[in-house]
Amino acid sequence: MTTWEELLDRFERDLDSSREPASWHPPAEPLPAELADRAREVLRRQQEHIAVVRAEQDAIAHQLVALRRVPDTSADVPAFLDVAG
């Protein structure tokens, strides 16, 4: 098994798991032509994963904005929240 095959295996395992990927360095030798399609597929999956994470970050940011609009009052004072605005 080549270094590139091992690296692509690792990238695929990282994409299939929820663990944080470890740092890596590209092998010294160029990517063999026969692995180009596999490498492109890994890249496509990584970009897809990045898009999902960014969308989740945006949703969380919107939720934080909404939470910051909730007034900080004691329990005996009525509070109103504008959920439409």
PDB file of N, CA and C in Angstrom:
ATOM      1  N   MET A   1       0.858  -1.179   0.000  1.00  0.00           N
ATOM      2  CA  MET A   1       0.000   0.000   0.000  1.00  0.00           C
ATOM      3  C   MET A   1       0.903   1.242   0.000  1.00  0.00           C
ATOM      4  N   THR A   2       0.560   2.216  -0.834  1.00  0.00           N
ATOM      5  CA  THR A   2       1.370   3.425  -0.926  1.00  0.00           C
ATOM      6  C   THR A   2       1.017   4.408   0.184  1.00  0.00           C
ATOM      7  N   THR A   3       1.889   5.367   0.383  1.00  0.00           N
ATOM      8  CA  THR A   3       1.643   6.413   1.378  1.00  0.00           C
ATOM      9  C   THR A   3       0.361   7.168   1.053  1.00  0.00           C
ATOM     10  N   TRP A   4       0.122   7.431  -0.237  1.00  0.00           N
ATOM     11  CA  TRP A   4      -1.092   8.143  -0.638  1.00  0.00           C
ATOM     12  C   TRP A   4      -2.342   7.320  -0.333  1.00  0.00           C
ATOM     13  N   GLU A   5      -2.274   6.014  -0.559  1.00  0.00           N
ATOM     14  CA  GLU A   5      -3.425   5.158  -0.246  1.00  0.00           C
ATOM     15  C   GLU A   5      -3.715   5.180   1.250  1.00  0.00           C
ATOM     16  N   GLU A   6      -2.659   5.128   2.060  1.00  0.00           N
ATOM     17  CA  GLU A   6      -2.835   5.185   3.507  1.00  0.00           C
ATOM     18  C   GLU A   6      -3.456   6.520   3.929  1.00  0.00           C
ATOM     19  N   LEU A   7      -2.997   7.597   3.309  1.00  0.00           N
ATOM     20  CA  LEU A   7      -3.531   8.922   3.638  1.00  0.00           C
ATOM     21  C   LEU A   7      -4.999   9.037   3.235  1.00  0.00           C
ATOM     22  N   LEU A   8      -5.338   8.556   2.046  1.00  0.00           N
ATOM     23  CA  LEU A   8      -6.736   8.599   1.602  1.00  0.00           C
ATOM     24  C   LEU A   8      -7.611   7.719   2.499  1.00  0.00           C
ATOM     25  N   ASP A   9      -7.084   6.562   2.906  1.00  0.00           N
ATOM     26  CA  ASP A   9      -7.817   5.710   3.864  1.00  0.00           C
ATOM     27  C   ASP A   9      -8.109   6.487   5.142  1.00  0.00           C
ATOM     28  N   ARG A  10      -7.107   7.194   5.647  1.00  0.00           N
ATOM     29  CA  ARG A  10      -7.265   7.973   6.877  1.00  0.00           C
ATOM     30  C   ARG A  10      -8.302   9.076   6.702  1.00  0.00           C
ATOM     31  N   PHE A  11      -8.243   9.786   5.574  1.00  0.00           N
ATOM     32  CA  PHE A  11      -9.228  10.845   5.310  1.00  0.00           C
ATOM     33  C   PHE A  11     -10.640  10.264   5.266  1.00  0.00           C
ATOM     34  N   GLU A  12     -10.806   9.121   4.622  1.00  0.00           N
ATOM     35  CA  GLU A  12     -12.123   8.494   4.534  1.00  0.00           C
ATOM     36  C   GLU A  12     -12.616   8.056   5.914  1.00  0.00           C
ATOM     37  N   ARG A  13     -11.725   7.499   6.728  1.00  0.00           N
ATOM     38  CA  ARG A  13     -12.113   7.120   8.097  1.00  0.00           C
ATOM     39  C   ARG A  13     -12.531   8.354   8.887  1.00  0.00           C
ATOM     40  N   ASP A  14     -11.779   9.445   8.739  1.00  0.00           N
ATOM     41  CA  ASP A  14     -12.118  10.686   9.446  1.00  0.00           C
ATOM     42  C   ASP A  14     -13.492  11.197   9.026  1.00  0.00           C
ATOM     43  N   LEU A  15     -13.809  11.124   7.748  1.00  0.00           N
ATOM     44  CA  LEU A  15     -15.107  11.577   7.254  1.00  0.00           C
ATOM     45  C   LEU A  15     -16.246  10.694   7.759  1.00  0.00           C
ATOM     46  N   ASP A  16     -15.963   9.412   7.949  1.00  0.00           N
ATOM     47  CA  ASP A  16     -16.990   8.475   8.400  1.00  0.00           C
ATOM     48  C   ASP A  16     -17.172   8.471   9.907  1.00  0.00           C
ATOM     49  N   SER A  17     -16.285   9.125  10.628  1.00  0.00           N
ATOM     50  CA  SER A  17     -16.387   9.148  12.088  1.00  0.00           C
ATOM     51  C   SER A  17     -16.667  10.566  12.560  1.00  0.00           C
ATOM     52  N   SER A  18     -16.900  10.694  13.838  1.00  0.00           N
ATOM     53  CA  SER A  18     -17.164  12.021  14.392  1.00  0.00           C
ATOM     54  C   SER A  18     -15.947  12.574  15.117  1.00  0.00           C
ATOM     55  N   ARG A  19     -14.833  11.882  15.026  1.00  0.00           N
ATOM     56  CA  ARG A  19     -13.644  12.354  15.734  1.00  0.00           C
ATOM     57  C   ARG A  19     -12.967  13.491  14.976  1.00  0.00           C
ATOM     58  N   GLU A  20     -12.211  14.258  15.706  1.00  0.00           N
ATOM     59  CA  GLU A  20     -11.476  15.391  15.132  1.00  0.00           C
ATOM     60  C   GLU A  20     -10.300  14.854  14.312  1.00  0.00           C
ATOM     61  N   PRO A  21     -10.178  15.263  13.052  1.00  0.00           N
ATOM     62  CA  PRO A  21      -9.049  14.776  12.248  1.00  0.00           C
ATOM     63  C   PRO A  21      -7.720  15.309  12.783  1.00  0.00           C
ATOM     64  N   ALA A  22      -6.711  14.465  12.724  1.00  0.00           N
ATOM     65  CA  ALA A  22      -5.373  14.859  13.161  1.00  0.00           C
ATOM     66  C   ALA A  22      -4.678  15.629  12.037  1.00  0.00           C
ATOM     67  N   SER A  23      -3.638  16.338  12.401  1.00  0.00           N
ATOM     68  CA  SER A  23      -2.888  17.074  11.375  1.00  0.00           C
ATOM     69  C   SER A  23      -2.184  16.078  10.447  1.00  0.00           C
ATOM     70  N   TRP A  24      -1.856  16.544   9.269  1.00  0.00           N
ATOM     71  CA  TRP A  24      -1.210  15.677   8.298  1.00  0.00           C
ATOM     72  C   TRP A  24      -0.312  16.507   7.402  1.00  0.00           C
ATOM     73  N   HIS A  25       0.550  15.833   6.712  1.00  0.00           N
ATOM     74  CA  HIS A  25       1.439  16.466   5.728  1.00  0.00           C
ATOM     75  C   HIS A  25       1.374  15.631   4.455  1.00  0.00           C
ATOM     76  N   PRO A  26       1.351  16.298   3.305  1.00  0.00           N
ATOM     77  CA  PRO A  26       1.281  15.531   2.063  1.00  0.00           C
ATOM     78  C   PRO A  26       2.555  14.704   1.879  1.00  0.00           C
ATOM     79  N   PRO A  27       2.416  13.523   1.303  1.00  0.00           N
ATOM     80  CA  PRO A  27       3.609  12.710   1.015  1.00  0.00           C
ATOM     81  C   PRO A  27       4.550  13.434   0.067  1.00  0.00           C
ATOM     82  N   ALA A  28       5.810  13.053   0.113  1.00  0.00           N
ATOM     83  CA  ALA A  28       6.819  13.697  -0.733  1.00  0.00           C
ATOM     84  C   ALA A  28       6.596  13.379  -2.208  1.00  0.00           C
ATOM     85  N   GLU A  29       6.117  12.169  -2.483  1.00  0.00           N
ATOM     86  CA  GLU A  29       5.908  11.787  -3.883  1.00  0.00           C
ATOM     87  C   GLU A  29       4.574  12.324  -4.384  1.00  0.00           C
ATOM     88  N   PRO A  30       4.466  12.590  -5.675  1.00  0.00           N
ATOM     89  CA  PRO A  30       3.201  13.101  -6.229  1.00  0.00           C
ATOM     90  C   PRO A  30       2.101  12.041  -6.146  1.00  0.00           C
ATOM     91  N   LEU A  31       0.871  12.506  -6.177  1.00  0.00           N
ATOM     92  CA  LEU A  31      -0.282  11.610  -6.160  1.00  0.00           C
ATOM     93  C   LEU A  31      -0.267  10.760  -7.427  1.00  0.00           C
ATOM     94  N   PRO A  32      -0.316   9.438  -7.272  1.00  0.00           N
ATOM     95  CA  PRO A  32      -0.365   8.581  -8.474  1.00  0.00           C
ATOM     96  C   PRO A  32      -1.664   8.826  -9.257  1.00  0.00           C
ATOM     97  N   ALA A  33      -1.566   8.801 -10.550  1.00  0.00           N
ATOM     98  CA  ALA A  33      -2.708   9.079 -11.428  1.00  0.00           C
ATOM     99  C   ALA A  33      -3.885   8.150 -11.134  1.00  0.00           C
ATOM    100  N   GLU A  34      -3.599   6.909 -10.765  1.00  0.00           N
ATOM    101  CA  GLU A  34      -4.686   5.951 -10.533  1.00  0.00           C
ATOM    102  C   GLU A  34      -5.472   6.260  -9.251  1.00  0.00           C
ATOM    103  N   LEU A  35      -4.962   7.168  -8.413  1.00  0.00           N
ATOM    104  CA  LEU A  35      -5.669   7.556  -7.191  1.00  0.00           C
ATOM    105  C   LEU A  35      -6.372   8.911  -7.317  1.00  0.00           C
ATOM    106  N   ALA A  36      -6.259   9.537  -8.486  1.00  0.00           N
ATOM    107  CA  ALA A  36      -6.819  10.884  -8.666  1.00  0.00           C
ATOM    108  C   ALA A  36      -8.336  10.920  -8.457  1.00  0.00           C
ATOM    109  N   ASP A  37      -9.057   9.966  -9.009  1.00  0.00           N
ATOM    110  CA  ASP A  37     -10.525   9.947  -8.844  1.00  0.00           C
ATOM    111  C   ASP A  37     -10.903   9.760  -7.375  1.00  0.00           C
ATOM    112  N   ARG A  38     -10.195   8.889  -6.703  1.00  0.00           N
ATOM    113  CA  ARG A  38     -10.472   8.662  -5.284  1.00  0.00           C
ATOM    114  C   ARG A  38     -10.182   9.933  -4.479  1.00  0.00           C
ATOM    115  N   ALA A  39      -9.086  10.602  -4.786  1.00  0.00           N
ATOM    116  CA  ALA A  39      -8.735  11.841  -4.085  1.00  0.00           C
ATOM    117  C   ALA A  39      -9.782  12.922  -4.346  1.00  0.00           C
ATOM    118  N   ARG A  40     -10.280  13.022  -5.573  1.00  0.00           N
ATOM    119  CA  ARG A  40     -11.326  13.997  -5.884  1.00  0.00           C
ATOM    120  C   ARG A  40     -12.608  13.702  -5.100  1.00  0.00           C
ATOM    121  N   GLU A  41     -12.942  12.427  -4.948  1.00  0.00           N
ATOM    122  CA  GLU A  41     -14.137  12.046  -4.194  1.00  0.00           C
ATOM    123  C   GLU A  41     -13.964  12.398  -2.714  1.00  0.00           C
ATOM    124  N   VAL A  42     -12.787  12.168  -2.166  1.00  0.00           N
ATOM    125  CA  VAL A  42     -12.517  12.544  -0.775  1.00  0.00           C
ATOM    126  C   VAL A  42     -12.652  14.055  -0.624  1.00  0.00           C
ATOM    127  N   LEU A  43     -12.087  14.808  -1.556  1.00  0.00           N
ATOM    128  CA  LEU A  43     -12.187  16.267  -1.514  1.00  0.00           C
ATOM    129  C   LEU A  43     -13.646  16.716  -1.582  1.00  0.00           C
ATOM    130  N   ARG A  44     -14.437  16.095  -2.462  1.00  0.00           N
ATOM    131  CA  ARG A  44     -15.856  16.441  -2.576  1.00  0.00           C
ATOM    132  C   ARG A  44     -16.580  16.190  -1.253  1.00  0.00           C
ATOM    133  N   ARG A  45     -16.297  15.058  -0.633  1.00  0.00           N
ATOM    134  CA  ARG A  45     -16.927  14.741   0.651  1.00  0.00           C
ATOM    135  C   ARG A  45     -16.485  15.714   1.740  1.00  0.00           C
ATOM    136  N   GLN A  46     -15.213  16.095   1.729  1.00  0.00           N
ATOM    137  CA  GLN A  46     -14.736  17.064   2.713  1.00  0.00           C
ATOM    138  C   GLN A  46     -15.435  18.409   2.527  1.00  0.00           C
ATOM    139  N   GLN A  47     -15.575  18.858   1.299  1.00  0.00           N
ATOM    140  CA  GLN A  47     -16.245  20.125   1.026  1.00  0.00           C
ATOM    141  C   GLN A  47     -17.714  20.060   1.436  1.00  0.00           C
ATOM    142  N   GLU A  48     -18.352  18.929   1.220  1.00  0.00           N
ATOM    143  CA  GLU A  48     -19.737  18.732   1.636  1.00  0.00           C
ATOM    144  C   GLU A  48     -19.839  18.816   3.169  1.00  0.00           C
ATOM    145  N   HIS A  49     -18.904  18.193   3.842  1.00  0.00           N
ATOM    146  CA  HIS A  49     -18.884  18.219   5.313  1.00  0.00           C
ATOM    147  C   HIS A  49     -18.660  19.646   5.822  1.00  0.00           C
ATOM    148  N   ILE A  50     -17.772  20.380   5.188  1.00  0.00           N
ATOM    149  CA  ILE A  50     -17.509  21.772   5.567  1.00  0.00           C
ATOM    150  C   ILE A  50     -18.777  22.605   5.412  1.00  0.00           C
ATOM    151  N   ALA A  51     -19.520  22.389   4.328  1.00  0.00           N
ATOM    152  CA  ALA A  51     -20.764  23.139   4.102  1.00  0.00           C
ATOM    153  C   ALA A  51     -21.781  22.840   5.201  1.00  0.00           C
ATOM    154  N   VAL A  52     -21.877  21.589   5.626  1.00  0.00           N
ATOM    155  CA  VAL A  52     -22.804  21.222   6.697  1.00  0.00           C
ATOM    156  C   VAL A  52     -22.400  21.905   8.001  1.00  0.00           C
ATOM    157  N   VAL A  53     -21.115  21.877   8.316  1.00  0.00           N
ATOM    158  CA  VAL A  53     -20.631  22.507   9.551  1.00  0.00           C
ATOM    159  C   VAL A  53     -20.889  24.015   9.523  1.00  0.00           C
ATOM    160  N   ARG A  54     -20.657  24.648   8.389  1.00  0.00           N
ATOM    161  CA  ARG A  54     -20.921  26.095   8.280  1.00  0.00           C
ATOM    162  C   ARG A  54     -22.404  26.400   8.471  1.00  0.00           C
ATOM    163  N   ALA A  55     -23.272  25.582   7.905  1.00  0.00           N
ATOM    164  CA  ALA A  55     -24.713  25.784   8.079  1.00  0.00           C
ATOM    165  C   ALA A  55     -25.101  25.618   9.545  1.00  0.00           C
ATOM    166  N   GLU A  56     -24.511  24.648  10.218  1.00  0.00           N
ATOM    167  CA  GLU A  56     -24.779  24.462  11.646  1.00  0.00           C
ATOM    168  C   GLU A  56     -24.282  25.667  12.454  1.00  0.00           C
ATOM    169  N   GLN A  57     -23.114  26.191  12.097  1.00  0.00           N
ATOM    170  CA  GLN A  57     -22.596  27.378  12.777  1.00  0.00           C
ATOM    171  C   GLN A  57     -23.528  28.564  12.590  1.00  0.00           C
ATOM    172  N   ASP A  58     -24.036  28.744  11.381  1.00  0.00           N
ATOM    173  CA  ASP A  58     -24.968  29.843  11.113  1.00  0.00           C
ATOM    174  C   ASP A  58     -26.243  29.702  11.939  1.00  0.00           C
ATOM    175  N   ALA A  59     -26.762  28.472  12.021  1.00  0.00           N
ATOM    176  CA  ALA A  59     -27.978  28.237  12.807  1.00  0.00           C
ATOM    177  C   ALA A  59     -27.730  28.539  14.284  1.00  0.00           C
ATOM    178  N   ILE A  60     -26.591  28.136  14.783  1.00  0.00           N
ATOM    179  CA  ILE A  60     -26.256  28.405  16.187  1.00  0.00           C
ATOM    180  C   ILE A  60     -26.107  29.907  16.417  1.00  0.00           C
ATOM    181  N   ALA A  61     -25.482  30.597  15.480  1.00  0.00           N
ATOM    182  CA  ALA A  61     -25.322  32.048  15.617  1.00  0.00           C
ATOM    183  C   ALA A  61     -26.680  32.730  15.673  1.00  0.00           C
ATOM    184  N   HIS A  62     -27.627  32.300  14.839  1.00  0.00           N
ATOM    185  CA  HIS A  62     -28.967  32.883  14.870  1.00  0.00           C
ATOM    186  C   HIS A  62     -29.661  32.598  16.198  1.00  0.00           C
ATOM    187  N   GLN A  63     -29.479  31.407  16.718  1.00  0.00           N
ATOM    188  CA  GLN A  63     -30.077  31.067  18.010  1.00  0.00           C
ATOM    189  C   GLN A  63     -29.481  31.918  19.136  1.00  0.00           C
ATOM    190  N   LEU A  64     -28.177  32.164  19.073  1.00  0.00           N
ATOM    191  CA  LEU A  64     -27.542  33.001  20.090  1.00  0.00           C
ATOM    192  C   LEU A  64     -28.064  34.436  20.034  1.00  0.00           C
ATOM    193  N   VAL A  65     -28.277  34.953  18.838  1.00  0.00           N
ATOM    194  CA  VAL A  65     -28.837  36.297  18.693  1.00  0.00           C
ATOM    195  C   VAL A  65     -30.213  36.349  19.341  1.00  0.00           C
ATOM    196  N   ALA A  66     -31.022  35.320  19.080  1.00  0.00           N
ATOM    197  CA  ALA A  66     -32.368  35.289  19.672  1.00  0.00           C
ATOM    198  C   ALA A  66     -32.287  35.192  21.189  1.00  0.00           C
ATOM    199  N   LEU A  67     -31.390  34.384  21.706  1.00  0.00           N
ATOM    200  CA  LEU A  67     -31.257  34.250  23.156  1.00  0.00           C
ATOM    201  C   LEU A  67     -30.808  35.553  23.809  1.00  0.00           C
ATOM    202  N   ARG A  68     -29.974  36.300  23.132  1.00  0.00           N
ATOM    203  CA  ARG A  68     -29.491  37.570  23.694  1.00  0.00           C
ATOM    204  C   ARG A  68     -30.603  38.621  23.757  1.00  0.00           C
ATOM    205  N   ARG A  69     -31.677  38.402  23.001  1.00  0.00           N
ATOM    206  CA  ARG A  69     -32.803  39.338  23.027  1.00  0.00           C
ATOM    207  C   ARG A  69     -33.720  39.109  24.222  1.00  0.00           C
ATOM    208  N   VAL A  70     -33.590  37.970  24.857  1.00  0.00           N
ATOM    209  CA  VAL A  70     -34.427  37.670  26.016  1.00  0.00           C
ATOM    210  C   VAL A  70     -33.951  38.539  27.171  1.00  0.00           C
ATOM    211  N   PRO A  71     -34.849  39.336  27.733  1.00  0.00           N
ATOM    212  CA  PRO A  71     -34.432  40.218  28.825  1.00  0.00           C
ATOM    213  C   PRO A  71     -34.067  39.423  30.069  1.00  0.00           C
ATOM    214  N   ASP A  72     -33.098  39.938  30.786  1.00  0.00           N
ATOM    215  CA  ASP A  72     -32.652  39.317  32.026  1.00  0.00           C
ATOM    216  C   ASP A  72     -33.450  39.930  33.173  1.00  0.00           C
ATOM    217  N   THR A  73     -34.495  39.238  33.599  1.00  0.00           N
ATOM    218  CA  THR A  73     -35.358  39.744  34.664  1.00  0.00           C
ATOM    219  C   THR A  73     -35.544  38.677  35.714  1.00  0.00           C
ATOM    220  N   SER A  74     -36.054  39.097  36.829  1.00  0.00           N
ATOM    221  CA  SER A  74     -36.350  38.126  37.877  1.00  0.00           C
ATOM    222  C   SER A  74     -37.640  37.382  37.538  1.00  0.00           C
ATOM    223  N   ALA A  75     -37.901  36.297  38.216  1.00  0.00           N
ATOM    224  CA  ALA A  75     -39.042  35.442  37.907  1.00  0.00           C
ATOM    225  C   ALA A  75     -40.386  36.101  38.220  1.00  0.00           C
ATOM    226  N   ASP A  76     -40.417  37.112  39.089  1.00  0.00           N
ATOM    227  CA  ASP A  76     -41.700  37.699  39.453  1.00  0.00           C
ATOM    228  C   ASP A  76     -42.113  38.861  38.548  1.00  0.00           C
ATOM    229  N   VAL A  77     -41.322  39.147  37.528  1.00  0.00           N
ATOM    230  CA  VAL A  77     -41.636  40.233  36.590  1.00  0.00           C
ATOM    231  C   VAL A  77     -41.997  39.608  35.247  1.00  0.00           C
ATOM    232  N   PRO A  78     -43.161  39.959  34.672  1.00  0.00           N
ATOM    233  CA  PRO A  78     -43.522  39.387  33.376  1.00  0.00           C
ATOM    234  C   PRO A  78     -42.544  39.838  32.301  1.00  0.00           C
ATOM    235  N   ALA A  79     -42.247  38.944  31.385  1.00  0.00           N
ATOM    236  CA  ALA A  79     -41.337  39.245  30.277  1.00  0.00           C
ATOM    237  C   ALA A  79     -42.037  38.926  28.969  1.00  0.00           C
ATOM    238  N   PHE A  80     -41.800  39.742  27.971  1.00  0.00           N
ATOM    239  CA  PHE A  80     -42.385  39.531  26.667  1.00  0.00           C
ATOM    240  C   PHE A  80     -41.251  39.453  25.667  1.00  0.00           C
ATOM    241  N   LEU A  81     -41.365  38.534  24.737  1.00  0.00           N
ATOM    242  CA  LEU A  81     -40.338  38.313  23.725  1.00  0.00           C
ATOM    243  C   LEU A  81     -40.971  38.449  22.347  1.00  0.00           C
ATOM    244  N   ASP A  82     -40.423  39.340  21.527  1.00  0.00           N
ATOM    245  CA  ASP A  82     -40.917  39.524  20.168  1.00  0.00           C
ATOM    246  C   ASP A  82     -40.308  38.435  19.289  1.00  0.00           C
ATOM    247  N   VAL A  83     -41.069  37.395  19.023  1.00  0.00           N
ATOM    248  CA  VAL A  83     -40.564  36.281  18.223  1.00  0.00           C
ATOM    249  C   VAL A  83     -40.707  36.524  16.723  1.00  0.00           C
ATOM    250  N   ALA A  84     -41.454  37.541  16.356  1.00  0.00           N
ATOM    251  CA  ALA A  84     -41.670  37.839  14.941  1.00  0.00           C
ATOM    252  C   ALA A  84     -40.648  38.827  14.406  1.00  0.00           C
ATOM    253  N   GLY A  85     -40.033  39.625  15.260  1.00  0.00           N
ATOM    254  CA  GLY A  85     -39.203  40.714  14.807  1.00  0.00           C
ATOM    255  C   GLY A  85     -37.774  40.428  14.790  1.00  0.00           C
TER     256      GLY A  85
END
